Amino acid sequence: MAIIHESAYVAPGAFIFGDVTVGEDASIWPGASLRGDMGRVVVGRGSSVQDGCTMHIQPGDTVEVGDLVTIGHGVVLHGCSVGDFSLVGMNATVLDGAKIGKRCLVAAGSLVRPGTVIPDGSFVVGNPATIKEGRTPDMSLHYMGAIIYIAMAHMYREGAESFPIEELSRRAEILKLKYPFA
């Protein structure tokens, strides 16, 4: 049975089933499918799982998304883990047993093969995904994106249908105190 924190936002049209835990201030957007029917799916605090994502596992495995992680539109995560403050770009695929470290950037459209281990602070790109040596991602911009998604989720939950930049900025400043970039 799914456990969804009271402050989390689950959009209409998202599908959550089975052993799924959605953390504080996390957001699950339209068309996302989180299936904990064969194992466990965990989404950490303040993380966003954007439109059209799929999370699934082999029997007994786990998909684990850390805190303040952005899972871009159309991403597939299958039996893998993604560390805190990381971003997985749109339409990327991360397969069974892969481990993405903290503060990593997986470029849009990349394929991370089964069992691949990506060290903290890495930038990976391609099919198959490889680490771009000497290219350390500046995660401060992606951190702000994660904070903005928390603010938008709060506003959606309150019934907003548009997001004036002034209000998003005000809320983001408050949220940065709760979720410092560490």
N, C-alpha and C. Protein backbone atom coordinates (compact mmCIF):
# COMPACT_ATOMS: atom_id res chain seq x y z
N MET A 1 0.83 -1.18 0.00
CA MET A 1 0.00 0.00 0.00
C MET A 1 0.88 1.25 0.00
N ALA A 2 0.52 2.22 -0.81
CA ALA A 2 1.31 3.44 -0.93
C ALA A 2 1.23 4.28 0.34
N ILE A 3 2.36 4.91 0.68
CA ILE A 3 2.43 5.86 1.79
C ILE A 3 2.84 7.19 1.18
N ILE A 4 1.94 8.15 1.24
CA ILE A 4 2.18 9.46 0.63
C ILE A 4 2.13 10.51 1.73
N HIS A 5 3.23 11.22 1.92
CA HIS A 5 3.30 12.25 2.96
C HIS A 5 2.21 13.29 2.73
N GLU A 6 1.66 13.80 3.81
CA GLU A 6 0.54 14.76 3.70
C GLU A 6 0.92 16.03 2.95
N SER A 7 2.20 16.39 2.93
CA SER A 7 2.61 17.61 2.22
C SER A 7 2.98 17.34 0.76
N ALA A 8 3.01 16.08 0.35
CA ALA A 8 3.35 15.74 -1.03
C ALA A 8 2.19 16.10 -1.96
N TYR A 9 2.53 16.30 -3.22
CA TYR A 9 1.52 16.59 -4.24
C TYR A 9 1.52 15.47 -5.26
N VAL A 10 0.35 14.87 -5.48
CA VAL A 10 0.18 13.87 -6.52
C VAL A 10 -0.87 14.42 -7.49
N ALA A 11 -0.45 14.70 -8.71
CA ALA A 11 -1.33 15.31 -9.71
C ALA A 11 -2.40 14.32 -10.17
N PRO A 12 -3.54 14.86 -10.58
CA PRO A 12 -4.53 14.00 -11.23
C PRO A 12 -3.88 13.34 -12.46
N GLY A 13 -4.17 12.08 -12.65
CA GLY A 13 -3.60 11.36 -13.79
C GLY A 13 -2.30 10.65 -13.49
N ALA A 14 -1.74 10.86 -12.29
CA ALA A 14 -0.56 10.08 -11.89
C ALA A 14 -1.05 8.73 -11.36
N PHE A 15 -0.23 7.69 -11.54
CA PHE A 15 -0.60 6.34 -11.11
C PHE A 15 0.42 5.87 -10.08
N ILE A 16 -0.06 5.60 -8.87
CA ILE A 16 0.80 5.09 -7.79
C ILE A 16 0.14 3.83 -7.26
N PHE A 17 0.93 2.74 -7.24
CA PHE A 17 0.35 1.46 -6.87
C PHE A 17 1.37 0.63 -6.11
N GLY A 18 0.93 -0.04 -5.04
CA GLY A 18 1.77 -0.99 -4.34
C GLY A 18 2.66 -0.34 -3.29
N ASP A 19 3.85 -0.90 -3.11
CA ASP A 19 4.79 -0.49 -2.07
C ASP A 19 5.56 0.75 -2.53
N VAL A 20 4.90 1.89 -2.42
CA VAL A 20 5.47 3.17 -2.87
C VAL A 20 5.43 4.13 -1.69
N THR A 21 6.54 4.82 -1.45
CA THR A 21 6.60 5.87 -0.43
C THR A 21 6.98 7.17 -1.11
N VAL A 22 6.15 8.20 -0.89
CA VAL A 22 6.40 9.53 -1.44
C VAL A 22 6.64 10.46 -0.26
N GLY A 23 7.83 11.08 -0.22
CA GLY A 23 8.26 11.85 0.93
C GLY A 23 7.68 13.25 1.02
N GLU A 24 8.05 13.91 2.10
CA GLU A 24 7.62 15.27 2.40
C GLU A 24 7.93 16.21 1.24
N ASP A 25 6.94 16.99 0.85
CA ASP A 25 7.08 18.02 -0.20
C ASP A 25 7.49 17.46 -1.56
N ALA A 26 7.43 16.16 -1.74
CA ALA A 26 7.71 15.58 -3.06
C ALA A 26 6.51 15.84 -3.97
N SER A 27 6.74 15.74 -5.27
CA SER A 27 5.64 15.95 -6.22
C SER A 27 5.70 14.91 -7.33
N ILE A 28 4.51 14.40 -7.66
CA ILE A 28 4.35 13.40 -8.71
C ILE A 28 3.40 14.02 -9.72
N TRP A 29 3.84 14.21 -10.95
CA TRP A 29 3.12 15.00 -11.94
C TRP A 29 2.30 14.13 -12.89
N PRO A 30 1.43 14.73 -13.71
CA PRO A 30 0.49 13.97 -14.54
C PRO A 30 1.18 12.92 -15.42
N GLY A 31 0.57 11.76 -15.48
CA GLY A 31 1.07 10.70 -16.35
C GLY A 31 2.21 9.89 -15.79
N ALA A 32 2.71 10.26 -14.59
CA ALA A 32 3.78 9.48 -13.98
C ALA A 32 3.20 8.16 -13.47
N SER A 33 3.99 7.09 -13.58
CA SER A 33 3.57 5.77 -13.12
C SER A 33 4.62 5.21 -12.17
N LEU A 34 4.24 5.07 -10.90
CA LEU A 34 5.13 4.52 -9.88
C LEU A 34 4.53 3.20 -9.43
N ARG A 35 5.13 2.09 -9.89
CA ARG A 35 4.57 0.76 -9.63
C ARG A 35 5.44 0.00 -8.65
N GLY A 36 4.92 -0.12 -7.43
CA GLY A 36 5.58 -0.91 -6.40
C GLY A 36 4.94 -2.27 -6.26
N ASP A 37 4.56 -2.88 -7.37
CA ASP A 37 3.85 -4.16 -7.33
C ASP A 37 4.79 -5.36 -7.21
N MET A 38 6.08 -5.18 -7.53
CA MET A 38 7.04 -6.29 -7.45
C MET A 38 8.16 -6.00 -6.47
N GLY A 39 8.25 -4.79 -6.01
CA GLY A 39 9.28 -4.35 -5.09
C GLY A 39 8.90 -2.99 -4.57
N ARG A 40 9.89 -2.23 -4.15
CA ARG A 40 9.64 -0.97 -3.46
C ARG A 40 10.07 0.22 -4.32
N VAL A 41 9.27 1.30 -4.27
CA VAL A 41 9.61 2.57 -4.91
C VAL A 41 9.60 3.64 -3.82
N VAL A 42 10.70 4.40 -3.70
CA VAL A 42 10.82 5.44 -2.68
C VAL A 42 11.21 6.74 -3.36
N VAL A 43 10.44 7.80 -3.11
CA VAL A 43 10.73 9.14 -3.61
C VAL A 43 11.01 10.02 -2.40
N GLY A 44 12.21 10.61 -2.33
CA GLY A 44 12.64 11.38 -1.17
C GLY A 44 12.02 12.76 -1.05
N ARG A 45 12.37 13.43 0.03
CA ARG A 45 11.86 14.76 0.36
C ARG A 45 12.16 15.75 -0.75
N GLY A 46 11.13 16.51 -1.14
CA GLY A 46 11.31 17.61 -2.08
C GLY A 46 11.65 17.20 -3.50
N SER A 47 11.59 15.93 -3.80
CA SER A 47 11.91 15.47 -5.16
C SER A 47 10.70 15.58 -6.06
N SER A 48 10.95 15.80 -7.36
CA SER A 48 9.84 15.86 -8.32
C SER A 48 10.01 14.76 -9.35
N VAL A 49 8.90 14.08 -9.61
CA VAL A 49 8.82 13.05 -10.65
C VAL A 49 7.88 13.64 -11.69
N GLN A 50 8.44 14.10 -12.79
CA GLN A 50 7.68 14.92 -13.73
C GLN A 50 6.84 14.09 -14.69
N ASP A 51 6.09 14.78 -15.51
CA ASP A 51 5.09 14.20 -16.39
C ASP A 51 5.64 13.03 -17.20
N GLY A 52 4.87 11.93 -17.22
CA GLY A 52 5.17 10.81 -18.08
C GLY A 52 6.30 9.90 -17.65
N CYS A 53 6.77 10.02 -16.41
CA CYS A 53 7.85 9.15 -15.93
C CYS A 53 7.32 7.77 -15.57
N THR A 54 8.21 6.78 -15.65
CA THR A 54 7.88 5.42 -15.23
C THR A 54 8.92 4.95 -14.22
N MET A 55 8.45 4.41 -13.09
CA MET A 55 9.32 3.78 -12.10
C MET A 55 8.79 2.39 -11.84
N HIS A 56 9.67 1.38 -12.01
CA HIS A 56 9.27 -0.01 -11.81
C HIS A 56 10.50 -0.80 -11.42
N ILE A 57 10.29 -2.07 -11.03
CA ILE A 57 11.36 -2.90 -10.52
C ILE A 57 11.16 -4.36 -10.90
N GLN A 58 12.27 -5.11 -10.81
CA GLN A 58 12.21 -6.57 -10.87
C GLN A 58 11.75 -7.06 -9.50
N PRO A 59 11.26 -8.29 -9.39
CA PRO A 59 10.81 -8.79 -8.09
C PRO A 59 11.86 -8.63 -7.00
N GLY A 60 11.46 -8.00 -5.90
CA GLY A 60 12.32 -7.83 -4.75
C GLY A 60 13.28 -6.66 -4.80
N ASP A 61 13.34 -5.93 -5.91
CA ASP A 61 14.24 -4.79 -6.04
C ASP A 61 13.61 -3.51 -5.51
N THR A 62 14.37 -2.43 -5.58
CA THR A 62 13.91 -1.12 -5.13
C THR A 62 14.33 -0.06 -6.14
N VAL A 63 13.45 0.90 -6.37
CA VAL A 63 13.83 2.16 -7.02
C VAL A 63 13.88 3.17 -5.89
N GLU A 64 15.03 3.84 -5.74
CA GLU A 64 15.16 4.82 -4.67
C GLU A 64 15.65 6.14 -5.25
N VAL A 65 14.85 7.18 -5.01
CA VAL A 65 15.17 8.54 -5.43
C VAL A 65 15.43 9.33 -4.15
N GLY A 66 16.61 9.96 -4.05
CA GLY A 66 16.99 10.69 -2.86
C GLY A 66 16.20 11.98 -2.68
N ASP A 67 16.74 12.88 -1.86
CA ASP A 67 16.10 14.15 -1.55
C ASP A 67 16.48 15.22 -2.57
N LEU A 68 15.52 16.09 -2.88
CA LEU A 68 15.70 17.22 -3.80
C LEU A 68 16.27 16.77 -5.15
N VAL A 69 15.71 15.70 -5.66
CA VAL A 69 16.09 15.16 -6.97
C VAL A 69 15.03 15.57 -7.98
N THR A 70 15.46 15.89 -9.18
CA THR A 70 14.54 16.18 -10.28
C THR A 70 14.61 15.03 -11.27
N ILE A 71 13.46 14.39 -11.48
CA ILE A 71 13.34 13.33 -12.48
C ILE A 71 12.54 13.95 -13.63
N GLY A 72 13.22 14.26 -14.73
CA GLY A 72 12.63 15.01 -15.84
C GLY A 72 11.54 14.26 -16.57
N HIS A 73 10.82 14.97 -17.40
CA HIS A 73 9.70 14.44 -18.16
C HIS A 73 10.11 13.20 -18.95
N GLY A 74 9.30 12.15 -18.86
CA GLY A 74 9.50 10.96 -19.68
C GLY A 74 10.62 10.03 -19.27
N VAL A 75 11.21 10.23 -18.10
CA VAL A 75 12.31 9.38 -17.64
C VAL A 75 11.78 8.00 -17.25
N VAL A 76 12.60 6.97 -17.49
CA VAL A 76 12.32 5.62 -17.00
C VAL A 76 13.40 5.26 -15.98
N LEU A 77 12.98 4.93 -14.76
CA LEU A 77 13.87 4.42 -13.72
C LEU A 77 13.41 3.00 -13.43
N HIS A 78 14.31 2.03 -13.60
CA HIS A 78 13.94 0.63 -13.38
C HIS A 78 14.95 -0.02 -12.45
N GLY A 79 14.55 -0.28 -11.20
CA GLY A 79 15.39 -0.99 -10.25
C GLY A 79 16.73 -0.34 -9.98
N CYS A 80 16.76 0.98 -9.81
CA CYS A 80 18.01 1.73 -9.68
C CYS A 80 17.89 2.72 -8.52
N SER A 81 18.97 3.48 -8.28
CA SER A 81 18.93 4.53 -7.27
C SER A 81 19.53 5.81 -7.83
N VAL A 82 19.00 6.94 -7.33
CA VAL A 82 19.48 8.27 -7.72
C VAL A 82 19.73 9.05 -6.44
N GLY A 83 20.96 9.56 -6.27
CA GLY A 83 21.35 10.25 -5.04
C GLY A 83 20.80 11.66 -4.92
N ASP A 84 20.87 12.18 -3.69
CA ASP A 84 20.38 13.52 -3.36
C ASP A 84 20.93 14.59 -4.31
N PHE A 85 20.12 15.60 -4.56
CA PHE A 85 20.48 16.79 -5.34
C PHE A 85 20.85 16.47 -6.79
N SER A 86 20.44 15.34 -7.31
CA SER A 86 20.76 14.98 -8.69
C SER A 86 19.61 15.33 -9.62
N LEU A 87 19.91 15.34 -10.92
CA LEU A 87 18.90 15.59 -11.94
C LEU A 87 19.06 14.53 -13.03
N VAL A 88 17.95 13.89 -13.38
CA VAL A 88 17.93 12.96 -14.50
C VAL A 88 17.11 13.64 -15.59
N GLY A 89 17.77 13.97 -16.71
CA GLY A 89 17.17 14.76 -17.77
C GLY A 89 16.07 14.03 -18.53
N MET A 90 15.28 14.81 -19.24
CA MET A 90 14.11 14.30 -19.95
C MET A 90 14.45 13.10 -20.84
N ASN A 91 13.55 12.11 -20.78
CA ASN A 91 13.62 10.91 -21.61
C ASN A 91 14.88 10.07 -21.42
N ALA A 92 15.58 10.26 -20.30
CA ALA A 92 16.70 9.37 -19.98
C ALA A 92 16.15 8.07 -19.42
N THR A 93 16.97 7.02 -19.48
CA THR A 93 16.61 5.71 -18.92
C THR A 93 17.75 5.24 -18.03
N VAL A 94 17.41 4.83 -16.80
CA VAL A 94 18.39 4.30 -15.85
C VAL A 94 17.90 2.91 -15.46
N LEU A 95 18.74 1.90 -15.74
CA LEU A 95 18.28 0.51 -15.64
C LEU A 95 18.74 -0.19 -14.37
N ASP A 96 18.30 -1.43 -14.23
CA ASP A 96 18.44 -2.23 -13.01
C ASP A 96 19.85 -2.23 -12.44
N GLY A 97 19.92 -1.98 -11.13
CA GLY A 97 21.18 -2.04 -10.41
C GLY A 97 22.08 -0.84 -10.61
N ALA A 98 21.71 0.10 -11.47
CA ALA A 98 22.52 1.31 -11.65
C ALA A 98 22.40 2.18 -10.41
N LYS A 99 23.49 2.85 -10.07
CA LYS A 99 23.51 3.75 -8.91
C LYS A 99 24.06 5.09 -9.37
N ILE A 100 23.20 6.10 -9.33
CA ILE A 100 23.60 7.47 -9.66
C ILE A 100 23.93 8.15 -8.34
N GLY A 101 25.13 8.72 -8.23
CA GLY A 101 25.55 9.35 -6.98
C GLY A 101 24.82 10.66 -6.69
N LYS A 102 25.27 11.33 -5.63
CA LYS A 102 24.73 12.63 -5.25
C LYS A 102 25.26 13.71 -6.18
N ARG A 103 24.44 14.75 -6.40
CA ARG A 103 24.83 15.92 -7.20
C ARG A 103 25.28 15.54 -8.61
N CYS A 104 24.60 14.59 -9.20
CA CYS A 104 24.93 14.17 -10.56
C CYS A 104 23.92 14.75 -11.55
N LEU A 105 24.37 14.87 -12.78
CA LEU A 105 23.50 15.28 -13.88
C LEU A 105 23.56 14.20 -14.95
N VAL A 106 22.41 13.58 -15.20
CA VAL A 106 22.28 12.61 -16.29
C VAL A 106 21.60 13.35 -17.43
N ALA A 107 22.30 13.53 -18.54
CA ALA A 107 21.79 14.34 -19.65
C ALA A 107 20.54 13.72 -20.26
N ALA A 108 19.71 14.58 -20.82
CA ALA A 108 18.48 14.16 -21.48
C ALA A 108 18.79 13.09 -22.53
N GLY A 109 17.94 12.07 -22.59
CA GLY A 109 18.07 11.03 -23.59
C GLY A 109 19.14 9.99 -23.33
N SER A 110 19.86 10.10 -22.22
CA SER A 110 20.93 9.15 -21.93
C SER A 110 20.38 7.79 -21.52
N LEU A 111 21.19 6.75 -21.73
CA LEU A 111 20.86 5.40 -21.29
C LEU A 111 21.95 4.93 -20.34
N VAL A 112 21.58 4.78 -19.06
CA VAL A 112 22.51 4.26 -18.06
C VAL A 112 22.26 2.76 -17.96
N ARG A 113 23.26 1.99 -18.35
CA ARG A 113 23.12 0.53 -18.44
C ARG A 113 23.00 -0.12 -17.06
N PRO A 114 22.47 -1.35 -17.03
CA PRO A 114 22.33 -2.07 -15.76
C PRO A 114 23.68 -2.18 -15.03
N GLY A 115 23.63 -1.98 -13.71
CA GLY A 115 24.80 -2.15 -12.87
C GLY A 115 25.82 -1.03 -12.91
N THR A 116 25.59 -0.01 -13.70
CA THR A 116 26.53 1.11 -13.80
C THR A 116 26.53 1.91 -12.50
N VAL A 117 27.73 2.28 -12.02
CA VAL A 117 27.85 3.10 -10.82
C VAL A 117 28.43 4.44 -11.24
N ILE A 118 27.69 5.50 -10.98
CA ILE A 118 28.12 6.86 -11.33
C ILE A 118 28.52 7.56 -10.03
N PRO A 119 29.79 7.98 -9.90
CA PRO A 119 30.24 8.62 -8.66
C PRO A 119 29.58 9.99 -8.43
N ASP A 120 29.58 10.41 -7.17
CA ASP A 120 29.05 11.73 -6.81
C ASP A 120 29.67 12.81 -7.69
N GLY A 121 28.84 13.81 -8.03
CA GLY A 121 29.32 14.98 -8.75
C GLY A 121 29.63 14.76 -10.22
N SER A 122 29.11 13.70 -10.80
CA SER A 122 29.42 13.39 -12.20
C SER A 122 28.39 13.94 -13.17
N PHE A 123 28.86 14.19 -14.40
CA PHE A 123 28.00 14.55 -15.52
C PHE A 123 28.09 13.39 -16.50
N VAL A 124 26.94 12.77 -16.80
CA VAL A 124 26.94 11.63 -17.72
C VAL A 124 26.03 11.92 -18.90
N VAL A 125 26.43 11.40 -20.06
CA VAL A 125 25.69 11.67 -21.29
C VAL A 125 25.88 10.51 -22.26
N GLY A 126 24.87 10.26 -23.07
CA GLY A 126 25.01 9.34 -24.19
C GLY A 126 24.30 8.02 -24.03
N ASN A 127 24.44 7.20 -25.10
CA ASN A 127 23.87 5.87 -25.15
C ASN A 127 24.94 4.94 -25.69
N PRO A 128 25.65 4.22 -24.82
CA PRO A 128 25.46 4.17 -23.38
C PRO A 128 26.04 5.41 -22.70
N ALA A 129 25.49 5.73 -21.54
CA ALA A 129 25.94 6.91 -20.81
C ALA A 129 27.38 6.73 -20.33
N THR A 130 28.18 7.77 -20.54
CA THR A 130 29.55 7.78 -20.05
C THR A 130 29.78 9.07 -19.28
N ILE A 131 30.73 9.00 -18.36
CA ILE A 131 31.07 10.17 -17.55
C ILE A 131 31.93 11.11 -18.39
N LYS A 132 31.57 12.38 -18.40
CA LYS A 132 32.37 13.40 -19.08
C LYS A 132 33.40 13.91 -18.09
N GLU A 133 34.62 13.39 -18.21
CA GLU A 133 35.70 13.77 -17.30
C GLU A 133 35.98 15.27 -17.38
N GLY A 134 36.26 15.86 -16.23
CA GLY A 134 36.58 17.28 -16.18
C GLY A 134 35.37 18.19 -16.31
N ARG A 135 34.19 17.63 -16.36
CA ARG A 135 32.96 18.43 -16.48
C ARG A 135 32.12 18.18 -15.24
N THR A 136 32.29 19.02 -14.24
CA THR A 136 31.50 18.90 -13.02
C THR A 136 30.28 19.78 -13.15
N PRO A 137 29.08 19.20 -12.99
CA PRO A 137 27.87 20.01 -13.16
C PRO A 137 27.72 21.03 -12.04
N ASP A 138 27.25 22.23 -12.39
CA ASP A 138 26.90 23.24 -11.40
C ASP A 138 25.47 22.96 -10.97
N MET A 139 25.32 22.28 -9.85
CA MET A 139 24.01 21.82 -9.43
C MET A 139 23.20 22.92 -8.74
N SER A 140 23.77 24.10 -8.54
CA SER A 140 23.01 25.16 -7.87
C SER A 140 21.78 25.57 -8.68
N LEU A 141 21.88 25.59 -10.01
CA LEU A 141 20.71 25.91 -10.83
C LEU A 141 19.66 24.81 -10.75
N HIS A 142 20.11 23.57 -10.74
CA HIS A 142 19.17 22.45 -10.65
C HIS A 142 18.52 22.41 -9.27
N TYR A 143 19.29 22.80 -8.24
CA TYR A 143 18.72 22.92 -6.89
C TYR A 143 17.57 23.92 -6.91
N MET A 144 17.77 25.08 -7.55
CA MET A 144 16.69 26.07 -7.61
C MET A 144 15.49 25.52 -8.37
N GLY A 145 15.73 24.72 -9.40
CA GLY A 145 14.62 24.08 -10.11
C GLY A 145 13.83 23.17 -9.19
N ALA A 146 14.53 22.41 -8.34
CA ALA A 146 13.85 21.53 -7.39
C ALA A 146 13.02 22.35 -6.41
N ILE A 147 13.57 23.46 -5.94
CA ILE A 147 12.84 24.33 -5.01
C ILE A 147 11.60 24.91 -5.69
N ILE A 148 11.73 25.35 -6.93
CA ILE A 148 10.58 25.90 -7.67
C ILE A 148 9.49 24.85 -7.83
N TYR A 149 9.88 23.59 -8.09
CA TYR A 149 8.87 22.53 -8.22
C TYR A 149 8.13 22.30 -6.90
N ILE A 150 8.82 22.42 -5.77
CA ILE A 150 8.12 22.32 -4.48
C ILE A 150 7.10 23.44 -4.36
N ALA A 151 7.53 24.67 -4.70
CA ALA A 151 6.62 25.82 -4.62
C ALA A 151 5.42 25.64 -5.54
N MET A 152 5.66 25.18 -6.77
CA MET A 152 4.54 24.96 -7.70
C MET A 152 3.58 23.90 -7.17
N ALA A 153 4.13 22.83 -6.61
CA ALA A 153 3.27 21.77 -6.06
C ALA A 153 2.38 22.31 -4.95
N HIS A 154 2.97 23.14 -4.07
CA HIS A 154 2.17 23.76 -3.01
C HIS A 154 1.04 24.60 -3.60
N MET A 155 1.37 25.37 -4.63
CA MET A 155 0.37 26.25 -5.23
C MET A 155 -0.72 25.45 -5.95
N TYR A 156 -0.34 24.38 -6.64
CA TYR A 156 -1.35 23.51 -7.26
C TYR A 156 -2.29 22.94 -6.21
N ARG A 157 -1.71 22.47 -5.11
CA ARG A 157 -2.51 21.89 -4.04
C ARG A 157 -3.50 22.91 -3.47
N GLU A 158 -3.12 24.18 -3.52
CA GLU A 158 -3.99 25.26 -3.04
C GLU A 158 -5.00 25.70 -4.09
N GLY A 159 -4.95 25.11 -5.28
CA GLY A 159 -5.93 25.41 -6.31
C GLY A 159 -5.47 26.38 -7.39
N ALA A 160 -4.21 26.81 -7.36
CA ALA A 160 -3.71 27.74 -8.37
C ALA A 160 -3.66 27.07 -9.74
N GLU A 161 -3.87 27.86 -10.77
CA GLU A 161 -3.76 27.36 -12.15
C GLU A 161 -2.69 28.09 -12.94
N SER A 162 -2.11 29.12 -12.35
CA SER A 162 -0.99 29.83 -12.96
C SER A 162 -0.05 30.25 -11.83
N PHE A 163 1.17 30.61 -12.21
CA PHE A 163 2.20 30.85 -11.22
C PHE A 163 2.91 32.18 -11.47
N PRO A 164 2.42 33.28 -10.89
CA PRO A 164 3.12 34.56 -11.03
C PRO A 164 4.55 34.43 -10.49
N ILE A 165 5.51 34.91 -11.26
CA ILE A 165 6.91 34.75 -10.90
C ILE A 165 7.23 35.35 -9.54
N GLU A 166 6.57 36.44 -9.19
CA GLU A 166 6.83 37.06 -7.88
C GLU A 166 6.45 36.12 -6.75
N GLU A 167 5.31 35.45 -6.89
CA GLU A 167 4.86 34.53 -5.85
C GLU A 167 5.74 33.28 -5.79
N LEU A 168 6.13 32.76 -6.94
CA LEU A 168 7.05 31.62 -6.95
C LEU A 168 8.37 31.98 -6.29
N SER A 169 8.89 33.16 -6.59
CA SER A 169 10.16 33.61 -6.01
C SER A 169 10.06 33.77 -4.50
N ARG A 170 8.96 34.35 -4.05
CA ARG A 170 8.75 34.54 -2.60
C ARG A 170 8.74 33.19 -1.89
N ARG A 171 7.98 32.26 -2.43
CA ARG A 171 7.89 30.94 -1.82
C ARG A 171 9.22 30.19 -1.89
N ALA A 172 9.94 30.35 -2.98
CA ALA A 172 11.24 29.68 -3.13
C ALA A 172 12.22 30.15 -2.06
N GLU A 173 12.23 31.44 -1.77
CA GLU A 173 13.13 31.96 -0.73
C GLU A 173 12.83 31.34 0.63
N ILE A 174 11.57 31.14 0.93
CA ILE A 174 11.18 30.50 2.19
C ILE A 174 11.61 29.03 2.19
N LEU A 175 11.37 28.35 1.08
CA LEU A 175 11.71 26.93 0.99
C LEU A 175 13.21 26.69 1.05
N LYS A 176 14.02 27.63 0.58
CA LYS A 176 15.47 27.48 0.64
C LYS A 176 15.95 27.39 2.09
N LEU A 177 15.21 28.00 3.01
CA LEU A 177 15.56 27.90 4.43
C LEU A 177 15.28 26.50 4.96
N LYS A 178 14.20 25.90 4.49
CA LYS A 178 13.83 24.55 4.92
C LYS A 178 14.73 23.50 4.27
N TYR A 179 15.11 23.74 3.02
CA TYR A 179 15.91 22.78 2.25
C TYR A 179 17.20 23.45 1.77
N PRO A 180 18.17 23.66 2.66
CA PRO A 180 19.41 24.32 2.21
C PRO A 180 20.20 23.44 1.25
N PHE A 181 20.92 24.08 0.36
CA PHE A 181 21.78 23.38 -0.60
C PHE A 181 23.05 22.98 0.13
N ALA A 182 23.13 21.73 0.49
CA ALA A 182 24.25 21.27 1.32
C ALA A 182 25.24 20.46 0.51
